Amino acid sequence: MTGEAGEVADLIKKGIYHQQGIDQPKLKKELGDVMWYLSALCTEFGFTLEEVMQQNIDKLKARFPEGYDPERTTFRDGEAS
């Protein structure tokens, strides 16, 4: 999964920082690969994708109760990520 995520990051890097544009069909393919591995891991450990996503939503709501704040991303006072 990390290899596929790296491919996604590389496409974004080239698209934004190297100003080459983002190859959306290739990005979609690589995101699908990441999702396949994520789904396989969830299956292996008995999680559903919905449970994992909801846990992340709950964590972000607790971290940003008033909505997203860039300042809160730099100092989280010992919060777990």
C-alpha atoms as a PDB file:
ATOM      1  CA  MET A   1       0.000   0.000   0.000  1.00  0.00           C
ATOM      2  CA  THR A   2       2.825   2.403   0.769  1.00  0.00           C
ATOM      3  CA  GLY A   3       4.276   1.885  -2.692  1.00  0.00           C
ATOM      4  CA  GLU A   4       0.948   2.751  -4.303  1.00  0.00           C
ATOM      5  CA  ALA A   5       0.501   5.762  -1.990  1.00  0.00           C
ATOM      6  CA  GLY A   6       3.975   6.857  -3.049  1.00  0.00           C
ATOM      7  CA  GLU A   7       2.880   6.716  -6.679  1.00  0.00           C
ATOM      8  CA  VAL A   8      -0.097   8.947  -5.819  1.00  0.00           C
ATOM      9  CA  ALA A   9       2.210  11.373  -4.003  1.00  0.00           C
ATOM     10  CA  ASP A  10       4.587  11.428  -6.961  1.00  0.00           C
ATOM     11  CA  LEU A  11       1.772  12.268  -9.384  1.00  0.00           C
ATOM     12  CA  ILE A  12       0.644  15.113  -7.096  1.00  0.00           C
ATOM     13  CA  LYS A  13       4.221  16.367  -6.682  1.00  0.00           C
ATOM     14  CA  LYS A  14       4.814  16.427 -10.425  1.00  0.00           C
ATOM     15  CA  GLY A  15       1.431  17.985 -11.043  1.00  0.00           C
ATOM     16  CA  ILE A  16       1.680  20.773  -8.493  1.00  0.00           C
ATOM     17  CA  TYR A  17       5.324  21.486  -7.781  1.00  0.00           C
ATOM     18  CA  HIS A  18       6.731  20.659 -11.187  1.00  0.00           C
ATOM     19  CA  GLN A  19       3.706  22.282 -12.847  1.00  0.00           C
ATOM     20  CA  GLN A  20       3.194  19.340 -15.194  1.00  0.00           C
ATOM     21  CA  GLY A  21      -0.531  19.044 -14.566  1.00  0.00           C
ATOM     22  CA  ILE A  22      -2.171  16.030 -12.983  1.00  0.00           C
ATOM     23  CA  ASP A  23      -2.845  12.991 -15.137  1.00  0.00           C
ATOM     24  CA  GLN A  24      -6.309  12.325 -13.709  1.00  0.00           C
ATOM     25  CA  PRO A  25      -6.866   8.907 -15.320  1.00  0.00           C
ATOM     26  CA  LYS A  26      -3.518   7.706 -13.921  1.00  0.00           C
ATOM     27  CA  LEU A  27      -4.288   9.282 -10.525  1.00  0.00           C
ATOM     28  CA  LYS A  28      -7.631   7.498 -10.458  1.00  0.00           C
ATOM     29  CA  LYS A  29      -5.903   4.178 -11.246  1.00  0.00           C
ATOM     30  CA  GLU A  30      -3.333   4.649  -8.477  1.00  0.00           C
ATOM     31  CA  LEU A  31      -6.000   5.704  -5.963  1.00  0.00           C
ATOM     32  CA  GLY A  32      -7.860   2.514  -6.861  1.00  0.00           C
ATOM     33  CA  ASP A  33      -4.720   0.527  -6.084  1.00  0.00           C
ATOM     34  CA  VAL A  34      -4.425   2.255  -2.689  1.00  0.00           C
ATOM     35  CA  MET A  35      -8.087   1.502  -1.985  1.00  0.00           C
ATOM     36  CA  TRP A  36      -7.610  -2.165  -2.924  1.00  0.00           C
ATOM     37  CA  TYR A  37      -4.812  -2.545  -0.390  1.00  0.00           C
ATOM     38  CA  LEU A  38      -6.771  -0.619   2.244  1.00  0.00           C
ATOM     39  CA  SER A  39      -9.770  -2.854   1.697  1.00  0.00           C
ATOM     40  CA  ALA A  40      -7.589  -5.969   1.904  1.00  0.00           C
ATOM     41  CA  LEU A  41      -6.103  -4.781   5.210  1.00  0.00           C
ATOM     42  CA  CYS A  42      -9.556  -4.042   6.601  1.00  0.00           C
ATOM     43  CA  THR A  43     -10.704  -7.519   5.619  1.00  0.00           C
ATOM     44  CA  GLU A  44      -7.624  -9.121   7.172  1.00  0.00           C
ATOM     45  CA  PHE A  45      -8.206  -7.382  10.509  1.00  0.00           C
ATOM     46  CA  GLY A  46     -12.001  -7.611  10.562  1.00  0.00           C
ATOM     47  CA  PHE A  47     -12.684  -3.906  10.042  1.00  0.00           C
ATOM     48  CA  THR A  48     -15.134  -2.419   7.584  1.00  0.00           C
ATOM     49  CA  LEU A  49     -14.179   0.580   5.476  1.00  0.00           C
ATOM     50  CA  GLU A  50     -17.148   2.368   7.020  1.00  0.00           C
ATOM     51  CA  GLU A  51     -15.822   1.794  10.563  1.00  0.00           C
ATOM     52  CA  VAL A  52     -12.391   3.089   9.634  1.00  0.00           C
ATOM     53  CA  MET A  53     -13.816   6.169   7.913  1.00  0.00           C
ATOM     54  CA  GLN A  54     -16.203   6.916  10.785  1.00  0.00           C
ATOM     55  CA  GLN A  55     -13.397   6.643  13.334  1.00  0.00           C
ATOM     56  CA  ASN A  56     -11.400   9.164  11.288  1.00  0.00           C
ATOM     57  CA  ILE A  57     -14.387  11.521  11.016  1.00  0.00           C
ATOM     58  CA  ASP A  58     -14.936  11.312  14.786  1.00  0.00           C
ATOM     59  CA  LYS A  59     -11.238  12.027  15.434  1.00  0.00           C
ATOM     60  CA  LEU A  60     -11.270  15.080  13.148  1.00  0.00           C
ATOM     61  CA  LYS A  61     -14.497  16.407  14.668  1.00  0.00           C
ATOM     62  CA  ALA A  62     -12.901  16.168  18.119  1.00  0.00           C
ATOM     63  CA  ARG A  63      -9.720  17.833  16.897  1.00  0.00           C
ATOM     64  CA  PHE A  64     -11.504  20.623  14.995  1.00  0.00           C
ATOM     65  CA  PRO A  65     -14.870  21.138  16.751  1.00  0.00           C
ATOM     66  CA  GLU A  66     -15.211  24.606  15.226  1.00  0.00           C
ATOM     67  CA  GLY A  67     -14.089  23.450  11.773  1.00  0.00           C
ATOM     68  CA  TYR A  68     -10.642  23.144  10.243  1.00  0.00           C
ATOM     69  CA  ASP A  69      -7.988  25.490  11.622  1.00  0.00           C
ATOM     70  CA  PRO A  70      -4.465  25.370  10.113  1.00  0.00           C
ATOM     71  CA  GLU A  71      -2.992  26.563  13.416  1.00  0.00           C
ATOM     72  CA  ARG A  72      -4.327  23.440  15.164  1.00  0.00           C
ATOM     73  CA  THR A  73      -2.398  21.245  12.729  1.00  0.00           C
ATOM     74  CA  THR A  74       0.986  22.576  13.873  1.00  0.00           C
ATOM     75  CA  PHE A  75       0.436  22.144  17.617  1.00  0.00           C
ATOM     76  CA  ARG A  76      -1.933  19.485  18.846  1.00  0.00           C
ATOM     77  CA  ASP A  77      -0.906  19.435  22.529  1.00  0.00           C
ATOM     78  CA  GLY A  78      -0.087  15.730  22.640  1.00  0.00           C
ATOM     79  CA  GLU A  79      -3.086  14.523  20.653  1.00  0.00           C
ATOM     80  CA  ALA A  80      -2.725  11.177  18.922  1.00  0.00           C
ATOM     81  CA  SER A  81      -2.905  11.339  15.165  1.00  0.00           C
END
